[in-house]
């Protein structure tokens, strides 16, 4: 059994579509304040653009842990 942890940063772009940036293996113990600050900096500094335009709103940050159980080799 193994597990994998990712940080998903969810934004809204200029077209109103959700955009998810995935960060693999974020530092252990990352806080809500750190995630909020990073997301706000991404929006304010126009770091990324999408096919639907610039990222215009930080929607949510979420930690996602996936557990894998190998059942056959």
C-alpha atoms as a PDB file:
ATOM      1  CA  UNK A   1       0.000   0.000   0.000  1.00  0.00           C
ATOM      2  CA  UNK A   2       1.254   3.481  -0.812  1.00  0.00           C
ATOM      3  CA  UNK A   3      -0.205   6.938  -0.543  1.00  0.00           C
ATOM      4  CA  UNK A   4       0.269  10.126  -2.492  1.00  0.00           C
ATOM      5  CA  UNK A   5      -0.545  13.670  -1.348  1.00  0.00           C
ATOM      6  CA  UNK A   6      -1.321  16.545  -3.704  1.00  0.00           C
ATOM      7  CA  UNK A   7      -2.381  20.144  -3.190  1.00  0.00           C
ATOM      8  CA  UNK A   8      -5.078  21.294  -5.607  1.00  0.00           C
ATOM      9  CA  UNK A   9      -5.458  25.038  -6.102  1.00  0.00           C
ATOM     10  CA  UNK A  10      -8.830  25.813  -7.654  1.00  0.00           C
ATOM     11  CA  UNK A  11      -9.336  29.102  -9.510  1.00  0.00           C
ATOM     12  CA  UNK A  12     -11.929  30.687 -11.750  1.00  0.00           C
ATOM     13  CA  UNK A  13     -10.747  32.138 -15.066  1.00  0.00           C
ATOM     14  CA  UNK A  14     -12.088  35.114 -17.028  1.00  0.00           C
ATOM     15  CA  UNK A  15     -14.534  32.823 -18.862  1.00  0.00           C
ATOM     16  CA  UNK A  16     -15.992  31.676 -15.529  1.00  0.00           C
ATOM     17  CA  UNK A  17     -14.552  28.149 -15.809  1.00  0.00           C
ATOM     18  CA  UNK A  18     -12.816  26.314 -12.961  1.00  0.00           C
ATOM     19  CA  UNK A  19      -9.087  25.749 -13.383  1.00  0.00           C
ATOM     20  CA  UNK A  20      -7.175  23.384 -11.082  1.00  0.00           C
ATOM     21  CA  UNK A  21      -3.434  23.674 -10.521  1.00  0.00           C
ATOM     22  CA  UNK A  22      -2.020  20.513  -8.984  1.00  0.00           C
ATOM     23  CA  UNK A  23       1.085  20.555  -6.782  1.00  0.00           C
ATOM     24  CA  UNK A  24       2.513  17.131  -6.003  1.00  0.00           C
ATOM     25  CA  UNK A  25       3.827  16.405  -2.514  1.00  0.00           C
ATOM     26  CA  UNK A  26       3.330  19.804  -0.842  1.00  0.00           C
ATOM     27  CA  UNK A  27       5.347  20.446   2.285  1.00  0.00           C
ATOM     28  CA  UNK A  28       3.980  18.663   5.335  1.00  0.00           C
ATOM     29  CA  UNK A  29       1.804  20.859   7.533  1.00  0.00           C
ATOM     30  CA  UNK A  30       1.085  23.529   4.925  1.00  0.00           C
ATOM     31  CA  UNK A  31      -1.456  25.924   6.462  1.00  0.00           C
ATOM     32  CA  UNK A  32      -4.638  27.499   5.157  1.00  0.00           C
ATOM     33  CA  UNK A  33      -2.992  30.920   5.487  1.00  0.00           C
ATOM     34  CA  UNK A  34      -0.052  29.827   3.316  1.00  0.00           C
ATOM     35  CA  UNK A  35      -2.359  28.361   0.676  1.00  0.00           C
ATOM     36  CA  UNK A  36      -4.586  31.467   0.660  1.00  0.00           C
ATOM     37  CA  UNK A  37      -1.556  33.763   0.335  1.00  0.00           C
ATOM     38  CA  UNK A  38      -0.087  31.733  -2.530  1.00  0.00           C
ATOM     39  CA  UNK A  39      -3.383  31.657  -4.391  1.00  0.00           C
ATOM     40  CA  UNK A  40      -3.918  35.382  -3.957  1.00  0.00           C
ATOM     41  CA  UNK A  41      -0.373  36.091  -5.209  1.00  0.00           C
ATOM     42  CA  UNK A  42      -1.027  33.939  -8.295  1.00  0.00           C
ATOM     43  CA  UNK A  43      -4.186  35.912  -9.111  1.00  0.00           C
ATOM     44  CA  UNK A  44      -2.747  39.367  -8.303  1.00  0.00           C
ATOM     45  CA  UNK A  45       0.474  38.819 -10.270  1.00  0.00           C
ATOM     46  CA  UNK A  46      -1.279  37.241 -13.256  1.00  0.00           C
ATOM     47  CA  UNK A  47       1.098  34.279 -13.111  1.00  0.00           C
ATOM     48  CA  UNK A  48      -0.917  31.937 -15.374  1.00  0.00           C
ATOM     49  CA  UNK A  49      -3.294  32.298 -18.257  1.00  0.00           C
ATOM     50  CA  UNK A  50      -5.677  29.681 -19.633  1.00  0.00           C
ATOM     51  CA  UNK A  51      -7.620  29.147 -22.838  1.00  0.00           C
ATOM     52  CA  UNK A  52     -10.475  30.887 -20.990  1.00  0.00           C
ATOM     53  CA  UNK A  53      -8.320  33.897 -20.103  1.00  0.00           C
ATOM     54  CA  UNK A  54      -6.479  34.973 -16.992  1.00  0.00           C
ATOM     55  CA  UNK A  55      -7.141  33.521 -13.550  1.00  0.00           C
ATOM     56  CA  UNK A  56      -9.397  36.047 -11.856  1.00  0.00           C
ATOM     57  CA  UNK A  57     -10.515  34.419  -8.589  1.00  0.00           C
ATOM     58  CA  UNK A  58      -9.112  31.998  -6.022  1.00  0.00           C
ATOM     59  CA  UNK A  59     -11.905  29.511  -5.255  1.00  0.00           C
ATOM     60  CA  UNK A  60     -10.391  26.937  -2.884  1.00  0.00           C
ATOM     61  CA  UNK A  61      -7.295  25.029  -1.912  1.00  0.00           C
ATOM     62  CA  UNK A  62      -7.553  21.380  -0.984  1.00  0.00           C
ATOM     63  CA  UNK A  63      -5.229  18.624   0.148  1.00  0.00           C
ATOM     64  CA  UNK A  64      -5.929  15.358  -1.660  1.00  0.00           C
ATOM     65  CA  UNK A  65      -4.495  12.068  -0.407  1.00  0.00           C
ATOM     66  CA  UNK A  66      -4.755   8.965  -2.566  1.00  0.00           C
ATOM     67  CA  UNK A  67      -4.091   5.493  -1.209  1.00  0.00           C
ATOM     68  CA  UNK A  68      -3.139   2.766  -3.648  1.00  0.00           C
ATOM     69  CA  UNK A  69      -3.473  -0.944  -2.847  1.00  0.00           C
ATOM     70  CA  UNK A  70      -1.729  -3.205  -5.343  1.00  0.00           C
ATOM     71  CA  UNK A  71      -3.840  -6.333  -5.771  1.00  0.00           C
ATOM     72  CA  UNK A  72      -1.928  -8.046  -8.593  1.00  0.00           C
ATOM     73  CA  UNK A  73       1.568  -7.825 -10.016  1.00  0.00           C
END
